[in-house]
C-alpha atoms as a PDB file:
ATOM      1  CA  MET A   1      82.235  90.627 124.753  1.00  0.00           C
ATOM      2  CA  SER A   2      80.068  93.604 123.728  1.00  0.00           C
ATOM      3  CA  ILE A   3      78.832  94.223 120.201  1.00  0.00           C
ATOM      4  CA  ILE A   4      80.743  97.522 120.113  1.00  0.00           C
ATOM      5  CA  TYR A   5      83.983  95.745 121.019  1.00  0.00           C
ATOM      6  CA  MET A   6      83.393  93.125 118.331  1.00  0.00           C
ATOM      7  CA  LEU A   7      82.730  95.835 115.743  1.00  0.00           C
ATOM      8  CA  ASP A   8      85.892  97.604 116.888  1.00  0.00           C
ATOM      9  CA  LEU A   9      87.896  94.444 116.242  1.00  0.00           C
ATOM     10  CA  PHE A  10      86.242  94.007 112.850  1.00  0.00           C
ATOM     11  CA  GLY A  11      87.052  97.612 111.972  1.00  0.00           C
ATOM     12  CA  THR A  12      90.638  97.048 113.071  1.00  0.00           C
ATOM     13  CA  PHE A  13      90.880  94.057 110.739  1.00  0.00           C
ATOM     14  CA  ALA A  14      89.377  96.017 107.825  1.00  0.00           C
ATOM     15  CA  PHE A  15      91.740  98.961 108.345  1.00  0.00           C
ATOM     16  CA  ALA A  16      94.710  96.607 108.654  1.00  0.00           C
ATOM     17  CA  ILE A  17      93.748  94.936 105.368  1.00  0.00           C
ATOM     18  CA  SER A  18      93.627  98.319 103.631  1.00  0.00           C
ATOM     19  CA  GLY A  19      97.093  99.150 104.953  1.00  0.00           C
ATOM     20  CA  ALA A  20      98.489  95.799 103.872  1.00  0.00           C
ATOM     21  CA  LEU A  21      97.019  96.158 100.375  1.00  0.00           C
ATOM     22  CA  MET A  22      98.584  99.592 100.039  1.00  0.00           C
ATOM     23  CA  ALA A  23     101.959  98.065 100.935  1.00  0.00           C
ATOM     24  CA  ILE A  24     101.460  95.313  98.351  1.00  0.00           C
ATOM     25  CA  LYS A  25     100.604  97.904  95.677  1.00  0.00           C
ATOM     26  CA  LYS A  26     103.883  99.627  96.529  1.00  0.00           C
ATOM     27  CA  ASP A  27     105.749  96.301  96.268  1.00  0.00           C
ATOM     28  CA  MET A  28     106.890  96.363  99.901  1.00  0.00           C
ATOM     29  CA  ASP A  29     108.262  93.244 101.548  1.00  0.00           C
ATOM     30  CA  LEU A  30     106.464  91.293 104.278  1.00  0.00           C
ATOM     31  CA  PHE A  31     107.795  93.562 107.016  1.00  0.00           C
ATOM     32  CA  GLY A  32     106.538  96.617 105.154  1.00  0.00           C
ATOM     33  CA  ILE A  33     103.138  94.981 104.748  1.00  0.00           C
ATOM     34  CA  ILE A  34     102.922  94.334 108.495  1.00  0.00           C
ATOM     35  CA  VAL A  35     104.038  97.884 109.347  1.00  0.00           C
ATOM     36  CA  LEU A  36     101.462  99.542 107.088  1.00  0.00           C
ATOM     37  CA  ALA A  37      98.717  97.213 108.305  1.00  0.00           C
ATOM     38  CA  PHE A  38      99.662  97.981 111.903  1.00  0.00           C
ATOM     39  CA  VAL A  39      99.817 101.776 111.630  1.00  0.00           C
ATOM     40  CA  THR A  40      96.598 101.944 109.612  1.00  0.00           C
ATOM     41  CA  ALA A  41      94.680  99.879 112.143  1.00  0.00           C
ATOM     42  CA  ILE A  42      95.952 101.348 115.408  1.00  0.00           C
ATOM     43  CA  GLY A  43      97.612 104.673 114.539  1.00  0.00           C
ATOM     44  CA  GLY A  44      94.562 106.839 115.150  1.00  0.00           C
ATOM     45  CA  GLY A  45      93.609 105.178 118.423  1.00  0.00           C
ATOM     46  CA  THR A  46      97.176 105.403 119.675  1.00  0.00           C
ATOM     47  CA  ILE A  47      97.442 109.133 118.943  1.00  0.00           C
ATOM     48  CA  ARG A  48      94.045 109.640 120.608  1.00  0.00           C
ATOM     49  CA  ASP A  49      95.181 107.895 123.790  1.00  0.00           C
ATOM     50  CA  VAL A  50      98.406 109.907 123.870  1.00  0.00           C
ATOM     51  CA  LEU A  51      96.467 113.175 123.506  1.00  0.00           C
ATOM     52  CA  LEU A  52      94.112 112.117 126.304  1.00  0.00           C
ATOM     53  CA  GLY A  53      96.989 111.026 128.535  1.00  0.00           C
ATOM     54  CA  ASN A  54      95.675 107.450 128.590  1.00  0.00           C
ATOM     55  CA  THR A  55      98.907 105.553 129.025  1.00  0.00           C
ATOM     56  CA  PRO A  56      99.850 102.864 128.446  1.00  0.00           C
ATOM     57  CA  VAL A  57      97.903 103.159 125.195  1.00  0.00           C
ATOM     58  CA  PHE A  58      95.175 100.619 124.469  1.00  0.00           C
ATOM     59  CA  ILE A  59      97.244  98.232 122.338  1.00  0.00           C
ATOM     60  CA  LEU A  60      99.668  97.627 125.204  1.00  0.00           C
ATOM     61  CA  TYR A  61      97.080  96.282 127.625  1.00  0.00           C
ATOM     62  CA  ASP A  62      94.826  94.659 125.010  1.00  0.00           C
ATOM     63  CA  PRO A  63      97.222  93.010 122.540  1.00  0.00           C
ATOM     64  CA  ILE A  64      94.411  91.483 120.479  1.00  0.00           C
ATOM     65  CA  TYR A  65      94.669  94.583 118.266  1.00  0.00           C
ATOM     66  CA  ILE A  66      98.287  93.713 117.529  1.00  0.00           C
ATOM     67  CA  TYR A  67      97.384  90.104 116.768  1.00  0.00           C
ATOM     68  CA  ILE A  68      94.568  91.156 114.442  1.00  0.00           C
ATOM     69  CA  SER A  69      96.875  93.506 112.534  1.00  0.00           C
ATOM     70  CA  ILE A  70      99.449  90.757 112.045  1.00  0.00           C
ATOM     71  CA  ILE A  71      96.802  88.230 110.985  1.00  0.00           C
ATOM     72  CA  ALA A  72      95.374  90.736 108.499  1.00  0.00           C
ATOM     73  CA  SER A  73      98.867  91.257 107.083  1.00  0.00           C
ATOM     74  CA  PHE A  74      99.281  87.569 106.332  1.00  0.00           C
ATOM     75  CA  VAL A  75      95.740  87.300 104.946  1.00  0.00           C
ATOM     76  CA  ALA A  76      96.520  90.133 102.526  1.00  0.00           C
ATOM     77  CA  PHE A  77      99.931  88.653 101.692  1.00  0.00           C
ATOM     78  CA  LEU A  78      98.459  85.244 100.859  1.00  0.00           C
ATOM     79  CA  PHE A  79      95.185  86.276  99.230  1.00  0.00           C
ATOM     80  CA  TYR A  80      95.912  89.699  97.734  1.00  0.00           C
ATOM     81  CA  ARG A  81      94.658  88.702  94.275  1.00  0.00           C
ATOM     82  CA  VAL A  82      91.248  87.818  95.682  1.00  0.00           C
ATOM     83  CA  LEU A  83      91.138  90.907  97.889  1.00  0.00           C
ATOM     84  CA  PHE A  84      91.879  93.242  94.994  1.00  0.00           C
ATOM     85  CA  LYS A  85      88.985  91.664  93.069  1.00  0.00           C
ATOM     86  CA  ILE A  86      86.471  92.211  95.886  1.00  0.00           C
ATOM     87  CA  ASN A  87      87.355  95.855  96.448  1.00  0.00           C
ATOM     88  CA  SER A  88      83.700  96.799  96.977  1.00  0.00           C
ATOM     89  CA  ILE A  89      83.502  94.488  99.991  1.00  0.00           C
ATOM     90  CA  ILE A  90      86.701  96.001 101.386  1.00  0.00           C
ATOM     91  CA  LEU A  91      85.200  99.486 101.008  1.00  0.00           C
ATOM     92  CA  ILE A  92      82.078  98.448 102.911  1.00  0.00           C
ATOM     93  CA  ALA A  93      84.196  96.965 105.701  1.00  0.00           C
ATOM     94  CA  ASP A  94      86.311 100.128 105.742  1.00  0.00           C
ATOM     95  CA  ALA A  95      83.172 102.266 106.043  1.00  0.00           C
ATOM     96  CA  LEU A  96      81.988 100.160 108.971  1.00  0.00           C
ATOM     97  CA  GLY A  97      85.355 100.552 110.667  1.00  0.00           C
ATOM     98  CA  LEU A  98      85.238 104.295 110.075  1.00  0.00           C
ATOM     99  CA  GLY A  99      81.856 104.616 111.761  1.00  0.00           C
ATOM    100  CA  VAL A 100      82.855 102.534 114.758  1.00  0.00           C
ATOM    101  CA  PHE A 101      86.215 104.277 115.216  1.00  0.00           C
ATOM    102  CA  VAL A 102      84.617 107.738 115.210  1.00  0.00           C
ATOM    103  CA  CYS A 103      82.142 106.655 117.886  1.00  0.00           C
ATOM    104  CA  ILE A 104      84.814 105.050 120.045  1.00  0.00           C
ATOM    105  CA  GLY A 105      87.040 108.115 119.787  1.00  0.00           C
ATOM    106  CA  ILE A 106      84.241 110.468 120.813  1.00  0.00           C
ATOM    107  CA  THR A 107      83.134 108.194 123.650  1.00  0.00           C
ATOM    108  CA  LYS A 108      86.640 108.012 125.112  1.00  0.00           C
ATOM    109  CA  ALA A 109      87.061 111.772 124.764  1.00  0.00           C
ATOM    110  CA  LEU A 110      83.802 112.522 126.582  1.00  0.00           C
ATOM    111  CA  GLU A 111      84.737 110.082 129.340  1.00  0.00           C
ATOM    112  CA  ALA A 112      87.850 112.228 129.824  1.00  0.00           C
ATOM    113  CA  ASN A 113      85.662 115.372 130.097  1.00  0.00           C
ATOM    114  CA  VAL A 114      86.808 116.788 126.767  1.00  0.00           C
ATOM    115  CA  SER A 115      84.602 119.524 125.265  1.00  0.00           C
ATOM    116  CA  TYR A 116      82.143 118.605 122.522  1.00  0.00           C
ATOM    117  CA  PRO A 117      84.245 120.126 119.694  1.00  0.00           C
ATOM    118  CA  GLY A 118      87.332 118.432 121.126  1.00  0.00           C
ATOM    119  CA  ALA A 119      85.496 115.118 121.259  1.00  0.00           C
ATOM    120  CA  VAL A 120      84.509 115.406 117.590  1.00  0.00           C
ATOM    121  CA  LEU A 121      88.142 116.185 116.760  1.00  0.00           C
ATOM    122  CA  LEU A 122      89.329 113.104 118.648  1.00  0.00           C
ATOM    123  CA  GLY A 123      86.711 110.999 116.886  1.00  0.00           C
ATOM    124  CA  LEU A 124      88.149 112.234 113.604  1.00  0.00           C
ATOM    125  CA  THR A 125      91.677 111.538 114.851  1.00  0.00           C
ATOM    126  CA  THR A 126      90.800 107.970 115.807  1.00  0.00           C
ATOM    127  CA  ALA A 127      89.281 107.285 112.410  1.00  0.00           C
ATOM    128  CA  VAL A 128      91.687 108.919 109.960  1.00  0.00           C
ATOM    129  CA  VAL A 129      95.174 109.362 111.421  1.00  0.00           C
ATOM    130  CA  GLY A 130      96.138 105.738 110.805  1.00  0.00           C
ATOM    131  CA  GLY A 131      95.282 106.154 107.129  1.00  0.00           C
ATOM    132  CA  VAL A 132      97.248 109.398 106.964  1.00  0.00           C
ATOM    133  CA  ILE A 133     100.342 107.679 108.374  1.00  0.00           C
ATOM    134  CA  ARG A 134      99.837 104.787 105.927  1.00  0.00           C
ATOM    135  CA  ASP A 135      99.686 107.114 102.938  1.00  0.00           C
ATOM    136  CA  LEU A 136     102.712 109.135 104.040  1.00  0.00           C
ATOM    137  CA  LEU A 137     104.783 105.974 104.482  1.00  0.00           C
ATOM    138  CA  ALA A 138     103.664 104.898 101.006  1.00  0.00           C
ATOM    139  CA  LYS A 139     104.656 108.317  99.580  1.00  0.00           C
ATOM    140  CA  GLU A 140     101.068 109.215  98.689  1.00  0.00           C
ATOM    141  CA  ILE A 141      99.063 112.370  99.343  1.00  0.00           C
ATOM    142  CA  PRO A 142      96.825 111.311 102.251  1.00  0.00           C
ATOM    143  CA  ALA A 143      93.474 110.226 100.824  1.00  0.00           C
ATOM    144  CA  VAL A 144      91.674 112.155 103.561  1.00  0.00           C
ATOM    145  CA  LEU A 145      92.897 115.402 101.959  1.00  0.00           C
ATOM    146  CA  ILE A 146      91.810 114.788  98.390  1.00  0.00           C
ATOM    147  CA  ARG A 147      88.821 112.498  97.933  1.00  0.00           C
ATOM    148  CA  ASP A 148      85.617 110.759  98.929  1.00  0.00           C
ATOM    149  CA  PHE A 149      84.341 113.137 101.627  1.00  0.00           C
ATOM    150  CA  TYR A 150      86.378 111.072 104.114  1.00  0.00           C
ATOM    151  CA  ALA A 151      87.051 113.596 106.864  1.00  0.00           C
ATOM    152  CA  VAL A 152      83.769 115.432 106.298  1.00  0.00           C
ATOM    153  CA  THR A 153      81.918 112.157 106.874  1.00  0.00           C
ATOM    154  CA  CYS A 154      83.662 111.717 110.235  1.00  0.00           C
ATOM    155  CA  ILE A 155      82.997 115.289 111.333  1.00  0.00           C
ATOM    156  CA  ALA A 156      79.334 115.096 110.305  1.00  0.00           C
ATOM    157  CA  GLY A 157      79.015 111.823 112.187  1.00  0.00           C
ATOM    158  CA  GLY A 158      80.628 113.384 115.237  1.00  0.00           C
ATOM    159  CA  ILE A 159      78.116 116.227 115.190  1.00  0.00           C
ATOM    160  CA  ILE A 160      75.270 113.702 114.937  1.00  0.00           C
ATOM    161  CA  TYR A 161      76.716 111.887 117.972  1.00  0.00           C
ATOM    162  CA  ILE A 162      76.698 115.085 120.042  1.00  0.00           C
ATOM    163  CA  ILE A 163      73.157 115.995 118.958  1.00  0.00           C
ATOM    164  CA  LEU A 164      71.876 112.544 119.900  1.00  0.00           C
ATOM    165  CA  LEU A 165      73.706 112.796 123.223  1.00  0.00           C
ATOM    166  CA  THR A 166      71.866 115.997 124.098  1.00  0.00           C
ATOM    167  CA  ILE A 167      68.449 114.365 123.612  1.00  0.00           C
ATOM    168  CA  ASN A 168      69.258 111.648 126.141  1.00  0.00           C
ATOM    169  CA  LEU A 169      69.301 108.546 123.974  1.00  0.00           C
ATOM    170  CA  SER A 170      70.984 105.444 125.380  1.00  0.00           C
ATOM    171  CA  HIS A 171      74.659 104.921 124.625  1.00  0.00           C
ATOM    172  CA  ASN A 172      73.980 101.974 122.314  1.00  0.00           C
ATOM    173  CA  GLU A 173      71.337 103.953 120.411  1.00  0.00           C
ATOM    174  CA  ILE A 174      73.795 106.803 119.929  1.00  0.00           C
ATOM    175  CA  ILE A 175      76.581 104.474 118.792  1.00  0.00           C
ATOM    176  CA  PHE A 176      74.492 102.532 116.285  1.00  0.00           C
ATOM    177  CA  SER A 177      72.717 105.610 114.925  1.00  0.00           C
ATOM    178  CA  THR A 178      75.962 107.540 114.488  1.00  0.00           C
ATOM    179  CA  ALA A 179      77.893 104.623 113.009  1.00  0.00           C
ATOM    180  CA  GLY A 180      75.002 103.879 110.643  1.00  0.00           C
ATOM    181  CA  PHE A 181      74.939 107.504 109.498  1.00  0.00           C
ATOM    182  CA  ILE A 182      78.696 107.528 108.863  1.00  0.00           C
ATOM    183  CA  ILE A 183      78.630 104.216 106.985  1.00  0.00           C
ATOM    184  CA  LEU A 184      75.744 105.346 104.774  1.00  0.00           C
ATOM    185  CA  LEU A 185      77.268 108.763 104.046  1.00  0.00           C
ATOM    186  CA  ARG A 186      80.657 107.209 103.288  1.00  0.00           C
ATOM    187  CA  LEU A 187      79.205 104.674 100.843  1.00  0.00           C
ATOM    188  CA  LEU A 188      77.083 107.336  99.139  1.00  0.00           C
ATOM    189  CA  ALA A 189      80.172 109.548  98.777  1.00  0.00           C
ATOM    190  CA  ILE A 190      82.033 106.690  97.104  1.00  0.00           C
ATOM    191  CA  LYS A 191      79.139 105.731  94.819  1.00  0.00           C
ATOM    192  CA  PHE A 192      78.402 109.265  93.656  1.00  0.00           C
ATOM    193  CA  LYS A 193      82.032 110.467  93.824  1.00  0.00           C
ATOM    194  CA  TRP A 194      81.291 113.332  96.204  1.00  0.00           C
ATOM    195  CA  ASN A 195      84.251 115.602  96.907  1.00  0.00           C
ATOM    196  CA  LEU A 196      84.707 119.013  98.446  1.00  0.00           C
ATOM    197  CA  ILE A 197      85.171 121.935  96.089  1.00  0.00           C
ATOM    198  CA  ARG A 198      88.712 122.706  94.910  1.00  0.00           C
ATOM    199  CA  VAL A 199      90.369 125.756  93.376  1.00  0.00           C
ATOM    200  CA  SER A 200      90.702 123.824  90.111  1.00  0.00           C
ATOM    201  CA  SER A 201      86.898 123.513  90.032  1.00  0.00           C
ATOM    202  CA  PHE A 202      86.692 127.178  88.997  1.00  0.00           C
ATOM    203  CA  SER A 203      88.951 126.819  85.982  1.00  0.00           C
ATOM    204  CA  SER A 204      89.633 124.300  83.257  1.00  0.00           C
ATOM    205  CA  LYS A 205      93.355 124.867  83.619  1.00  0.00           C
ATOM    206  CA  LYS A 206      95.710 125.666  86.445  1.00  0.00           C
ATOM    207  CA  SER A 207      97.007 129.213  86.798  1.00  0.00           C
ATOM    208  CA  PHE A 208      99.742 128.380  89.303  1.00  0.00           C
END
């Protein structure tokens, strides 16, 4: 079992936990918790595989992703009080998952001979679409659209991946360098509350 695969599974667990906690905040039942955990963890990768024509999608031939999502659901259901108290640890795990998912998405795209911009887009898709689906099901504005430099972090990481690829580094060096960059940028964005500029930034009150 490769280190990348193990990190992928860890990222899946972290994303599933975030989905389950969102469901608990919304007072969903156990089924709702499992659904949100599942779509958060595997939604992006599933959409990526569909866009690439890789069918059956990865969760159907490697069901460990399904098992991890279900396990994460029950962990959140049983220990949600503890998990809400250690939110900083959850954010770190989420950042790690984000970095790994971007790299995996880009790698799979390039293996399918997708262009560099397309590969960056599929890296972004792998990392954020699950969270978008989670937020929509929870009747929230997707977090990727409003805070924490989330999508920008993924795109910047994707560009770093492509740059490193062009200077002939090994695959593992590219993966770890890119994932490390994304994790660091994501955590800095959270700590310093970095956000993209908005229309409301130009005025103290809305004019619409």
